[in-house]
Amino acid sequence: QGHRKESKTMKILVLGGAGYIGSHTVYELIDAGEEVVIIDNLETGHAEAVHPDAKFYKGDISDKSFLNEVFQKENIEAVIHFAALKAVGESVQKPLEYYRNNLNSLMNVIAGMREFGVKNLVFSSSCTVYGQADVLPVTEQTPRKQAESPYGNTKAMCEDIMRDFAKVESGMNLLALRYFNPIGAHPSALIGELPNGVPNNLIPFLTQTVAGIRPQLSVFGDDYNTPDGSPIRDYIDVVDLAKAHVVAIRRLLDGKNKANYEYFNIGTGNGLSVLGLIKAFEKATGEKVNYKIVGRRAGDIEKVWADTTLANQELGWKAEVPIEETLANAWKWQQALMKK
């Protein structure tokens, strides 16, 4: 599509490219003229979400020999790593599985990259590394806190592994994107968020409730210290988030990074409460949401939103999709699913 001036096409390995954020990022990469290879074990990803122009390997990156086989076959120049277990609540119940899966997979990836001379890695991190910050919005200088969940803890530990590795491997470029709360779906309604079983995330649960698949949406707590008592998050459109990966990978491939290890907040810079999000959905779609207030959920924090100045300046990226449009796309995707 002629987005690129001087750079040649790069072959990018996307781990977890059949998942929610991974599949949207693959669409944006291919749109930007990149060649994409995907590895996904399809445990939470979906074969239908794989872009028809991407090369797909079904397998598990915790299997080192399988991963190295792909590195050997494909001439990979950069890796984007999405493949992780990611449900906060489940991680509290299954800490061992989360530590084993999320830490081992990253170490396998970095070891494979070193062995096969792949220099560039963009990693999915999370705003959970900030815990409940003392000062909002959070900047990249905000101290990380002990995470509220094993999931959040794995993200902090993965960042530490990358930081320590980058110190001794001067030829490697590692970059972590700390996502805030990704929501929405591709405007084409070809891909979106499709959880297996009961959704852990607010928006698919909300759209499934409006669609009549779930009887009611639970709002976890209305006694937080926020204007309406419900938790506040920074909800970012998944396509905006996907575009941040394209920009980040380009930064590494073009040698524009200022250090071997960098990290950026990827959010909108605006906090919105859960009840505020429900109201915005109703306004955007004209649908009523049947919800009830229930007790707080283990591992949840009260409020967090991003200061995105660094990403805006350094990456030249910013979130652009208005929340109503994001929520309308989420509903459009839910409706498309029901026709299938």
Protein backbone atom coordinates (compact mmCIF):
# COMPACT_ATOMS: atom_id res chain seq x y z
CA GLN A 1 0.00 0.00 0.00
CA GLY A 2 2.98 2.30 -0.41
CA HIS A 3 3.33 3.28 3.27
CA ARG A 4 7.06 2.66 3.17
CA LYS A 5 9.73 4.73 1.51
CA GLU A 6 13.20 3.27 1.89
CA SER A 7 12.67 0.08 3.88
CA LYS A 8 12.44 -3.30 2.23
CA THR A 9 9.87 -5.89 3.27
CA MET A 10 10.80 -7.65 6.49
CA LYS A 11 9.82 -11.10 7.63
CA ILE A 12 8.27 -10.83 11.06
CA LEU A 13 7.45 -13.76 13.34
CA VAL A 14 4.27 -13.13 15.34
CA LEU A 15 3.88 -15.45 18.34
CA GLY A 16 0.23 -15.73 19.31
CA GLY A 17 -0.83 -14.29 15.94
CA ALA A 18 -4.20 -16.08 16.03
CA GLY A 19 -5.16 -14.40 19.30
CA TYR A 20 -7.07 -11.19 19.88
CA ILE A 21 -4.31 -8.57 19.78
CA GLY A 22 -1.99 -10.74 17.68
CA SER A 23 -4.48 -11.18 14.85
CA HIS A 24 -5.19 -7.44 14.67
CA THR A 25 -1.46 -6.71 14.61
CA VAL A 26 -0.92 -9.22 11.78
CA TYR A 27 -3.61 -7.41 9.75
CA GLU A 28 -1.82 -4.08 10.30
CA LEU A 29 1.63 -5.54 9.48
CA ILE A 30 0.40 -7.07 6.23
CA ASP A 31 -1.40 -3.81 5.43
CA ALA A 32 1.95 -2.04 5.89
CA GLY A 33 3.55 -4.42 3.39
CA GLU A 34 5.36 -6.78 5.77
CA GLU A 35 5.70 -10.53 5.41
CA VAL A 36 4.33 -12.39 8.44
CA VAL A 37 4.92 -15.84 9.92
CA ILE A 38 2.61 -16.86 12.78
CA ILE A 39 3.04 -19.44 15.52
CA ASP A 40 0.00 -20.16 17.68
CA ASN A 41 -1.08 -23.25 19.61
CA LEU A 42 -4.75 -22.23 19.13
CA GLU A 43 -5.51 -22.79 22.82
CA THR A 44 -7.01 -19.32 23.09
CA GLY A 45 -6.42 -18.21 19.49
CA HIS A 46 -8.63 -19.11 16.54
CA ALA A 47 -7.62 -20.53 13.16
CA GLU A 48 -10.26 -18.29 11.47
CA ALA A 49 -8.46 -15.22 12.81
CA VAL A 50 -5.24 -16.06 10.91
CA HIS A 51 -4.71 -13.62 8.04
CA PRO A 52 -4.91 -15.47 4.70
CA ASP A 53 -1.60 -13.91 3.57
CA ALA A 54 0.36 -15.00 6.66
CA LYS A 55 2.28 -18.26 6.91
CA PHE A 56 0.94 -20.28 9.84
CA TYR A 57 2.59 -22.87 12.10
CA LYS A 58 0.45 -24.56 14.72
CA GLY A 59 2.56 -25.32 17.75
CA ASP A 60 3.70 -24.31 21.18
CA ILE A 61 6.64 -22.02 21.85
CA SER A 62 7.26 -23.73 25.18
CA ASP A 63 8.50 -26.55 22.90
CA LYS A 64 12.00 -25.28 22.20
CA SER A 65 12.87 -27.65 19.36
CA PHE A 66 9.66 -26.77 17.49
CA LEU A 67 10.37 -23.05 17.90
CA ASN A 68 13.96 -23.44 16.72
CA GLU A 69 12.77 -25.40 13.69
CA VAL A 70 10.68 -22.41 12.64
CA PHE A 71 13.64 -20.05 13.20
CA GLN A 72 15.76 -22.35 11.06
CA LYS A 73 13.21 -22.60 8.22
CA GLU A 74 12.18 -18.97 8.03
CA ASN A 75 14.55 -16.09 7.63
CA ILE A 76 13.09 -14.09 10.52
CA GLU A 77 14.22 -10.50 11.09
CA ALA A 78 12.04 -9.53 14.03
CA VAL A 79 9.70 -11.15 16.54
CA ILE A 80 6.52 -9.85 18.17
CA HIS A 81 5.66 -11.91 21.23
CA PHE A 82 1.98 -12.06 22.25
CA ALA A 83 1.80 -15.71 23.31
CA ALA A 84 0.98 -15.83 27.02
CA LEU A 85 -1.72 -16.85 29.44
CA LYS A 86 -3.46 -13.60 30.36
CA ALA A 87 -6.47 -13.92 32.66
CA VAL A 88 -5.87 -12.06 35.93
CA GLY A 89 -8.41 -14.07 37.94
CA GLU A 90 -7.28 -17.43 36.56
CA SER A 91 -3.65 -16.60 37.37
CA VAL A 92 -4.60 -16.21 41.05
CA GLN A 93 -6.06 -19.75 40.90
CA LYS A 94 -3.24 -21.28 38.80
CA PRO A 95 -0.03 -19.44 39.66
CA LEU A 96 2.31 -22.30 38.73
CA GLU A 97 0.88 -22.67 35.22
CA TYR A 98 1.19 -18.93 34.65
CA TYR A 99 4.80 -18.69 35.83
CA ARG A 100 5.84 -21.77 33.88
CA ASN A 101 4.12 -20.80 30.65
CA ASN A 102 4.81 -17.07 30.53
CA LEU A 103 8.44 -17.11 31.72
CA ASN A 104 9.62 -20.22 29.88
CA SER A 105 8.12 -19.13 26.59
CA LEU A 106 9.93 -15.77 26.68
CA MET A 107 13.25 -17.42 27.58
CA ASN A 108 12.84 -19.91 24.72
CA VAL A 109 12.13 -17.07 22.32
CA ILE A 110 15.16 -15.01 23.35
CA ALA A 111 17.44 -18.06 23.31
CA GLY A 112 16.17 -19.00 19.83
CA MET A 113 16.68 -15.46 18.60
CA ARG A 114 20.25 -15.44 19.88
CA GLU A 115 20.99 -18.80 18.30
CA PHE A 116 19.60 -17.82 14.88
CA GLY A 117 20.86 -14.23 14.84
CA VAL A 118 17.46 -12.51 15.12
CA LYS A 119 18.08 -9.09 16.70
CA ASN A 120 14.68 -7.47 17.28
CA LEU A 121 11.88 -8.27 19.73
CA VAL A 122 8.70 -6.42 20.63
CA PHE A 123 7.06 -7.85 23.76
CA SER A 124 3.48 -7.51 25.05
CA SER A 125 3.74 -6.16 28.53
CA SER A 126 0.99 -4.67 30.62
CA CYS A 127 0.04 -1.75 32.82
CA THR A 128 -0.43 -4.37 35.57
CA VAL A 129 3.31 -3.86 36.28
CA TYR A 130 2.41 -0.54 37.92
CA GLY A 131 0.01 -2.15 40.41
CA GLN A 132 -2.07 0.53 42.13
CA ALA A 133 0.13 3.54 41.40
CA ASP A 134 0.35 6.33 44.01
CA VAL A 135 0.19 9.03 41.35
CA LEU A 136 -1.94 9.00 38.19
CA PRO A 137 -1.59 9.03 35.26
CA VAL A 138 1.34 6.60 35.18
CA THR A 139 4.41 7.49 33.14
CA GLU A 140 7.25 5.13 32.22
CA GLN A 141 9.09 6.60 35.23
CA THR A 142 6.30 5.55 37.63
CA PRO A 143 7.83 2.94 39.96
CA ARG A 144 6.63 -0.57 39.30
CA LYS A 145 4.88 -2.12 42.25
CA GLN A 146 4.42 -5.66 43.45
CA ALA A 147 1.74 -6.88 41.04
CA GLU A 148 -1.71 -7.77 42.38
CA SER A 149 -1.75 -11.09 40.49
CA PRO A 150 0.62 -13.80 39.27
CA TYR A 151 -0.27 -12.70 35.72
CA GLY A 152 0.94 -9.15 36.43
CA ASN A 153 3.98 -10.57 38.14
CA THR A 154 4.94 -12.60 35.05
CA LYS A 155 4.87 -9.42 32.97
CA ALA A 156 7.20 -7.64 35.41
CA MET A 157 9.53 -10.66 35.50
CA CYS A 158 9.55 -10.91 31.69
CA GLU A 159 10.53 -7.24 31.52
CA ASP A 160 13.38 -7.91 33.97
CA ILE A 161 14.58 -10.87 31.88
CA MET A 162 14.64 -8.64 28.79
CA ARG A 163 16.39 -5.78 30.58
CA ASP A 164 19.11 -8.04 32.03
CA PHE A 165 19.61 -9.87 28.74
CA ALA A 166 19.90 -6.60 26.77
CA LYS A 167 22.69 -5.46 29.10
CA VAL A 168 24.98 -8.33 28.07
CA GLU A 169 23.81 -8.90 24.46
CA SER A 170 24.61 -5.54 22.92
CA GLY A 171 23.49 -6.55 19.42
CA MET A 172 19.92 -7.35 20.53
CA ASN A 173 17.11 -4.79 20.58
CA LEU A 174 14.24 -5.51 22.94
CA LEU A 175 11.20 -3.31 23.35
CA ALA A 176 8.24 -3.77 25.72
CA LEU A 177 4.85 -2.18 25.12
CA ARG A 178 2.87 -1.77 28.34
CA TYR A 179 -0.73 -2.08 27.19
CA PHE A 180 -3.58 -0.56 29.06
CA ASN A 181 -7.02 -2.13 28.38
CA PRO A 182 -7.45 -3.21 24.75
CA ILE A 183 -11.06 -3.39 23.54
CA GLY A 184 -13.03 -3.34 20.30
CA ALA A 185 -12.69 -5.18 17.02
CA HIS A 186 -11.51 -4.67 13.46
CA PRO A 187 -13.91 -2.29 11.64
CA SER A 188 -14.33 -4.95 8.92
CA ALA A 189 -15.84 -7.28 11.58
CA LEU A 190 -13.61 -10.03 10.14
CA ILE A 191 -11.71 -10.40 13.43
CA GLY A 192 -12.38 -9.40 17.02
CA GLU A 193 -12.22 -10.65 20.58
CA LEU A 194 -13.52 -14.22 20.78
CA PRO A 195 -12.87 -15.81 24.16
CA ASN A 196 -13.35 -19.54 24.66
CA GLY A 197 -16.08 -20.22 27.17
CA VAL A 198 -16.97 -17.56 29.72
CA PRO A 199 -15.19 -14.28 28.90
CA ASN A 200 -12.70 -12.87 31.41
CA ASN A 201 -12.79 -9.45 29.78
CA LEU A 202 -15.47 -6.81 30.15
CA ILE A 203 -16.38 -6.08 26.52
CA PRO A 204 -17.00 -9.62 25.21
CA PHE A 205 -19.04 -10.31 28.35
CA LEU A 206 -20.97 -7.10 27.78
CA THR A 207 -21.66 -7.76 24.08
CA GLN A 208 -22.61 -11.39 24.81
CA THR A 209 -25.06 -10.14 27.46
CA VAL A 210 -26.65 -7.66 25.04
CA ALA A 211 -26.81 -10.46 22.45
CA GLY A 212 -28.70 -12.66 24.93
CA ILE A 213 -25.91 -15.26 25.23
CA ARG A 214 -25.29 -14.32 28.88
CA PRO A 215 -28.13 -13.40 31.23
CA GLN A 216 -26.38 -10.49 32.93
CA LEU A 217 -23.12 -8.57 33.14
CA SER A 218 -21.47 -8.42 36.56
CA VAL A 219 -19.78 -5.18 37.54
CA PHE A 220 -17.15 -6.05 40.15
CA GLY A 221 -17.53 -3.46 42.90
CA ASP A 222 -19.13 -0.02 43.16
CA ASP A 223 -17.39 0.96 46.40
CA TYR A 224 -14.05 2.05 44.93
CA ASN A 225 -12.72 5.54 45.51
CA THR A 226 -13.81 6.79 42.07
CA PRO A 227 -16.57 9.24 41.04
CA ASP A 228 -19.16 6.50 40.42
CA GLY A 229 -17.58 3.82 42.65
CA SER A 230 -16.64 1.50 39.77
CA PRO A 231 -13.00 0.86 38.75
CA ILE A 232 -11.35 3.15 36.20
CA ARG A 233 -9.27 1.90 33.27
CA ASP A 234 -7.67 3.28 30.14
CA TYR A 235 -9.52 1.54 27.30
CA ILE A 236 -7.60 1.50 24.03
CA ASP A 237 -8.93 0.45 20.63
CA VAL A 238 -7.31 -2.80 19.53
CA VAL A 239 -6.50 -1.42 16.06
CA ASP A 240 -4.73 1.59 17.60
CA LEU A 241 -2.81 -0.88 19.78
CA ALA A 242 -1.95 -3.04 16.75
CA LYS A 243 -0.59 0.02 14.93
CA ALA A 244 1.73 0.72 17.87
CA HIS A 245 3.39 -2.66 17.21
CA VAL A 246 3.98 -1.83 13.56
CA VAL A 247 5.64 1.43 14.59
CA ALA A 248 7.67 -0.27 17.36
CA ILE A 249 9.00 -3.03 15.09
CA ARG A 250 9.91 -0.43 12.46
CA ARG A 251 11.82 1.56 15.10
CA LEU A 252 13.96 -1.49 15.86
CA LEU A 253 14.47 -2.52 12.24
CA ASP A 254 15.46 1.03 11.28
CA GLY A 255 17.87 1.27 14.23
CA LYS A 256 16.05 4.27 15.75
CA ASN A 257 15.88 2.82 19.26
CA LYS A 258 17.88 4.78 21.85
CA ALA A 259 18.78 1.77 24.01
CA ASN A 260 18.92 -2.02 23.71
CA TYR A 261 15.93 -2.23 26.01
CA GLU A 262 13.07 0.27 25.90
CA TYR A 263 9.48 0.32 27.14
CA PHE A 264 6.46 2.48 26.37
CA ASN A 265 2.94 2.99 27.73
CA ILE A 266 0.33 2.25 25.09
CA GLY A 267 -3.04 3.73 26.08
CA THR A 268 -5.29 6.68 25.32
CA GLY A 269 -4.32 8.82 28.29
CA ASN A 270 -7.95 8.90 29.48
CA GLY A 271 -9.49 7.04 32.39
CA LEU A 272 -13.04 5.71 32.01
CA SER A 273 -15.01 3.88 34.69
CA VAL A 274 -16.70 0.53 34.08
CA LEU A 275 -20.12 2.17 34.52
CA GLY A 276 -19.02 4.99 32.22
CA LEU A 277 -18.05 2.42 29.60
CA ILE A 278 -21.46 0.75 29.85
CA LYS A 279 -23.15 4.15 29.32
CA ALA A 280 -20.88 4.87 26.33
CA PHE A 281 -21.78 1.48 24.83
CA GLU A 282 -25.50 2.17 25.22
CA LYS A 283 -25.06 5.57 23.59
CA ALA A 284 -22.96 4.18 20.72
CA THR A 285 -25.27 1.28 19.88
CA GLY A 286 -28.73 2.21 21.19
CA GLU A 287 -28.77 -1.14 23.06
CA LYS A 288 -29.51 -1.57 26.78
CA VAL A 289 -27.00 -3.46 28.94
CA ASN A 290 -28.45 -5.66 31.68
CA TYR A 291 -25.89 -5.44 34.49
CA LYS A 292 -25.74 -5.86 38.24
CA ILE A 293 -23.22 -4.74 40.82
CA VAL A 294 -21.44 -7.60 42.61
CA GLY A 295 -18.48 -7.78 45.03
CA ARG A 296 -14.95 -6.84 44.09
CA ARG A 297 -12.81 -9.34 42.17
CA ALA A 298 -9.46 -10.63 43.47
CA GLY A 299 -6.45 -9.06 41.73
CA ASP A 300 -8.31 -5.97 40.48
CA ILE A 301 -6.93 -2.50 41.11
CA GLU A 302 -8.98 0.62 41.72
CA LYS A 303 -7.86 2.91 38.93
CA VAL A 304 -5.14 3.30 36.34
CA TRP A 305 -4.64 5.28 33.17
CA ALA A 306 -1.62 6.18 31.09
CA ASP A 307 0.46 9.20 30.39
CA THR A 308 1.30 8.44 26.75
CA THR A 309 3.64 11.40 26.11
CA LEU A 310 6.72 9.22 25.61
CA ALA A 311 5.06 6.91 23.05
CA ASN A 312 3.53 9.93 21.29
CA GLN A 313 6.90 11.66 20.99
CA GLU A 314 9.34 8.79 20.57
CA LEU A 315 7.26 6.39 18.50
CA GLY A 316 5.27 9.07 16.71
CA TRP A 317 2.16 7.07 17.58
CA LYS A 318 -1.06 8.00 19.30
CA ALA A 319 -4.46 6.48 19.96
CA GLU A 320 -7.01 7.91 17.53
CA VAL A 321 -10.23 5.89 17.54
CA PRO A 322 -12.99 7.50 19.65
CA ILE A 323 -14.51 5.27 22.36
CA GLU A 324 -18.00 5.26 20.76
CA GLU A 325 -16.54 3.97 17.49
CA THR A 326 -14.57 1.29 19.36
CA LEU A 327 -17.71 0.11 21.15
CA ALA A 328 -19.79 0.21 17.96
CA ASN A 329 -17.13 -2.01 16.28
CA ALA A 330 -17.24 -4.43 19.23
CA TRP A 331 -21.01 -4.73 18.82
CA LYS A 332 -20.71 -5.10 15.03
CA TRP A 333 -18.25 -7.97 15.61
CA GLN A 334 -20.61 -9.66 18.09
CA GLN A 335 -23.43 -9.43 15.55
CA ALA A 336 -21.18 -10.88 12.83
CA LEU A 337 -20.35 -13.82 15.12
CA MET A 338 -24.02 -14.57 15.62
CA LYS A 339 -24.57 -14.83 11.86
CA LYS A 340 -21.83 -17.46 11.53
